C-alpha atoms as a PDB file:
ATOM      1  CA  MET A   1      16.498-259.871  18.359  1.00  0.00           C
ATOM      2  CA  SER A   2      16.277-257.548  21.280  1.00  0.00           C
ATOM      3  CA  PRO A   3      13.229-255.258  21.221  1.00  0.00           C
ATOM      4  CA  MET A   4      13.612-251.976  23.072  1.00  0.00           C
ATOM      5  CA  ASN A   5      11.202-250.693  25.690  1.00  0.00           C
ATOM      6  CA  SER A   6       8.848-248.208  24.013  1.00  0.00           C
ATOM      7  CA  GLU A   7       8.883-245.812  26.989  1.00  0.00           C
ATOM      8  CA  TYR A   8      12.234-244.292  25.952  1.00  0.00           C
ATOM      9  CA  SER A   9      11.393-240.748  25.037  1.00  0.00           C
ATOM     10  CA  GLY A  10      12.651-237.278  25.679  1.00  0.00           C
ATOM     11  CA  ASN A  11      14.291-234.498  23.763  1.00  0.00           C
ATOM     12  CA  ILE A  12      16.378-236.811  21.609  1.00  0.00           C
ATOM     13  CA  LYS A  13      15.375-236.680  17.951  1.00  0.00           C
ATOM     14  CA  SER A  14      15.287-240.471  17.577  1.00  0.00           C
ATOM     15  CA  VAL A  15      15.607-243.482  19.873  1.00  0.00           C
ATOM     16  CA  PRO A  16      16.305-247.158  19.194  1.00  0.00           C
ATOM     17  CA  THR A  17      13.380-249.533  18.881  1.00  0.00           C
ATOM     18  CA  GLN A  18      15.603-252.609  18.476  1.00  0.00           C
ATOM     19  CA  VAL A  19      19.298-253.504  18.800  1.00  0.00           C
ATOM     20  CA  ASP A  20      20.799-256.648  17.248  1.00  0.00           C
ATOM     21  CA  MET A  21      24.301-258.067  17.012  1.00  0.00           C
ATOM     22  CA  THR A  22      24.724-259.220  13.401  1.00  0.00           C
ATOM     23  CA  GLY A  23      27.535-260.895  11.508  1.00  0.00           C
ATOM     24  CA  ILE A  24      29.090-257.538  10.605  1.00  0.00           C
ATOM     25  CA  GLY A  25      28.121-255.130  13.356  1.00  0.00           C
ATOM     26  CA  VAL A  26      25.601-253.655  15.734  1.00  0.00           C
ATOM     27  CA  GLN A  27      22.320-253.046  13.924  1.00  0.00           C
ATOM     28  CA  ILE A  28      20.083-250.381  15.419  1.00  0.00           C
ATOM     29  CA  ALA A  29      16.504-249.791  14.273  1.00  0.00           C
ATOM     30  CA  TRP A  30      15.586-246.187  15.077  1.00  0.00           C
ATOM     31  CA  ASP A  31      12.046-244.985  15.722  1.00  0.00           C
ATOM     32  CA  ASP A  32      12.207-242.743  12.625  1.00  0.00           C
ATOM     33  CA  GLY A  33      12.186-245.879  10.421  1.00  0.00           C
ATOM     34  CA  GLN A  34      15.917-245.876   9.711  1.00  0.00           C
ATOM     35  CA  THR A  35      18.007-248.994  10.423  1.00  0.00           C
ATOM     36  CA  CYS A  36      21.764-248.522  10.741  1.00  0.00           C
ATOM     37  CA  THR A  37      24.587-251.031  10.986  1.00  0.00           C
ATOM     38  CA  TYR A  38      27.703-249.927  12.853  1.00  0.00           C
ATOM     39  CA  PRO A  39      30.701-252.203  12.127  1.00  0.00           C
ATOM     40  CA  TYR A  40      32.010-253.678  15.381  1.00  0.00           C
ATOM     41  CA  ARG A  41      35.612-252.469  15.302  1.00  0.00           C
ATOM     42  CA  TYR A  42      34.584-249.068  13.993  1.00  0.00           C
ATOM     43  CA  LEU A  43      32.125-248.676  16.889  1.00  0.00           C
ATOM     44  CA  ARG A  44      34.650-249.885  19.478  1.00  0.00           C
ATOM     45  CA  LEU A  45      37.134-247.274  18.219  1.00  0.00           C
ATOM     46  CA  GLN A  46      34.511-244.528  18.757  1.00  0.00           C
ATOM     47  CA  CYS A  47      34.463-245.142  22.522  1.00  0.00           C
ATOM     48  CA  ALA A  48      34.829-241.861  24.401  1.00  0.00           C
ATOM     49  CA  CYS A  49      35.148-243.206  27.962  1.00  0.00           C
ATOM     50  CA  ALA A  50      37.908-241.953  30.282  1.00  0.00           C
ATOM     51  CA  ALA A  51      40.053-245.021  29.526  1.00  0.00           C
ATOM     52  CA  CYS A  52      39.912-244.284  25.782  1.00  0.00           C
ATOM     53  CA  VAL A  53      39.978-240.470  25.706  1.00  0.00           C
ATOM     54  CA  GLU A  54      41.762-238.077  28.079  1.00  0.00           C
ATOM     55  CA  GLU A  55      38.999-236.276  29.935  1.00  0.00           C
ATOM     56  CA  MET A  56      40.593-232.820  30.147  1.00  0.00           C
ATOM     57  CA  THR A  57      42.225-232.563  26.722  1.00  0.00           C
ATOM     58  CA  GLY A  58      40.206-234.964  24.560  1.00  0.00           C
ATOM     59  CA  ARG A  59      43.481-236.624  23.546  1.00  0.00           C
ATOM     60  CA  PRO A  60      42.965-240.227  22.402  1.00  0.00           C
ATOM     61  CA  LEU A  61      44.376-242.802  24.842  1.00  0.00           C
ATOM     62  CA  LEU A  62      43.171-245.944  23.104  1.00  0.00           C
ATOM     63  CA  ASN A  63      45.912-247.917  21.381  1.00  0.00           C
ATOM     64  CA  VAL A  64      44.116-248.589  18.088  1.00  0.00           C
ATOM     65  CA  SER A  65      46.460-251.427  17.159  1.00  0.00           C
ATOM     66  CA  ALA A  66      45.538-253.223  20.403  1.00  0.00           C
ATOM     67  CA  VAL A  67      41.875-253.509  19.343  1.00  0.00           C
ATOM     68  CA  PRO A  68      41.477-256.859  17.542  1.00  0.00           C
ATOM     69  CA  GLU A  69      40.280-256.744  13.942  1.00  0.00           C
ATOM     70  CA  ASP A  70      37.711-259.445  14.781  1.00  0.00           C
ATOM     71  CA  ILE A  71      36.293-257.741  17.887  1.00  0.00           C
ATOM     72  CA  ILE A  72      32.543-257.986  18.402  1.00  0.00           C
ATOM     73  CA  ALA A  73      30.033-256.649  20.889  1.00  0.00           C
ATOM     74  CA  ALA A  74      28.960-259.655  22.930  1.00  0.00           C
ATOM     75  CA  ASP A  75      26.005-257.848  24.470  1.00  0.00           C
ATOM     76  CA  HIS A  76      24.571-254.436  25.183  1.00  0.00           C
ATOM     77  CA  LEU A  77      22.822-252.567  27.967  1.00  0.00           C
ATOM     78  CA  VAL A  78      20.430-249.636  27.801  1.00  0.00           C
ATOM     79  CA  VAL A  79      21.699-246.683  29.850  1.00  0.00           C
ATOM     80  CA  GLY A  80      18.816-244.591  31.095  1.00  0.00           C
ATOM     81  CA  LYS A  81      16.804-243.043  28.278  1.00  0.00           C
ATOM     82  CA  TYR A  82      19.772-241.732  26.344  1.00  0.00           C
ATOM     83  CA  ALA A  83      22.493-244.274  25.545  1.00  0.00           C
ATOM     84  CA  LEU A  84      23.724-247.806  24.914  1.00  0.00           C
ATOM     85  CA  GLN A  85      26.658-249.546  26.548  1.00  0.00           C
ATOM     86  CA  PHE A  86      28.412-252.460  24.844  1.00  0.00           C
ATOM     87  CA  LEU A  87      30.268-255.411  26.312  1.00  0.00           C
ATOM     88  CA  TRP A  88      33.200-255.964  23.937  1.00  0.00           C
ATOM     89  CA  THR A  89      35.120-259.201  23.424  1.00  0.00           C
ATOM     90  CA  ASP A  90      38.376-257.385  24.279  1.00  0.00           C
ATOM     91  CA  GLY A  91      37.015-257.009  27.829  1.00  0.00           C
ATOM     92  CA  HIS A  92      36.163-253.306  27.503  1.00  0.00           C
ATOM     93  CA  ASP A  93      32.770-252.364  28.910  1.00  0.00           C
ATOM     94  CA  SER A  94      32.932-248.829  30.322  1.00  0.00           C
ATOM     95  CA  GLY A  95      32.020-246.828  27.222  1.00  0.00           C
ATOM     96  CA  ILE A  96      28.623-245.205  26.914  1.00  0.00           C
ATOM     97  CA  TYR A  97      27.332-244.420  23.428  1.00  0.00           C
ATOM     98  CA  PRO A  98      24.667-241.681  23.624  1.00  0.00           C
ATOM     99  CA  TYR A  99      21.915-241.956  21.019  1.00  0.00           C
ATOM    100  CA  GLU A 100      22.843-238.488  19.736  1.00  0.00           C
ATOM    101  CA  MET A 101      26.415-239.656  19.107  1.00  0.00           C
ATOM    102  CA  LEU A 102      25.239-242.805  17.314  1.00  0.00           C
ATOM    103  CA  LEU A 103      22.894-240.753  15.123  1.00  0.00           C
ATOM    104  CA  ARG A 104      25.669-238.258  14.352  1.00  0.00           C
ATOM    105  CA  LEU A 105      27.967-241.122  13.295  1.00  0.00           C
ATOM    106  CA  ALA A 106      25.190-242.484  11.053  1.00  0.00           C
ATOM    107  CA  GLU A 107      24.703-239.087   9.412  1.00  0.00           C
ATOM    108  CA  ASN A 108      28.370-238.205   8.948  1.00  0.00           C
ATOM    109  CA  ASP A 109      30.390-241.381   8.441  1.00  0.00           C
ATOM    110  CA  ASP A 110      30.194-243.710   5.456  1.00  0.00           C
ATOM    111  CA  ALA A 111      31.369-246.599   7.656  1.00  0.00           C
ATOM    112  CA  VAL A 112      27.830-246.721   9.088  1.00  0.00           C
ATOM    113  CA  ILE A 113      25.350-248.270   6.667  1.00  0.00           C
ATOM    114  CA  CYS A 114      21.766-247.004   6.966  1.00  0.00           C
ATOM    115  CA  GLU A 115      18.558-247.933   5.165  1.00  0.00           C
ATOM    116  CA  GLY A 116      15.055-246.527   5.325  1.00  0.00           C
ATOM    117  CA  GLY A 117      13.972-243.444   7.191  1.00  0.00           C
END
């Protein structure tokens, strides 16, 4: 388990208190009491970095079929006070996942499994 530093605060409606890599995905405990599991491949396919999404048009560049079905996040980094960055087993590591984006995915996509809150 990887506890998060409690000094992360700001204008974001919720921030992670803990991030774990589980057997099925990245599990994030949010400070509002909700815990959400983001399946690995699903989360990798949400990457919005310049290598995965055309910056000017928003056109997807990522070849979905090239992302292994068994991909996992080997580790993660905290980016400032606003995002997480994952180190994927396909070698990709440039995507930044803002907390707001992760919360939006949890609210709007049934692929993300949340409990509590």
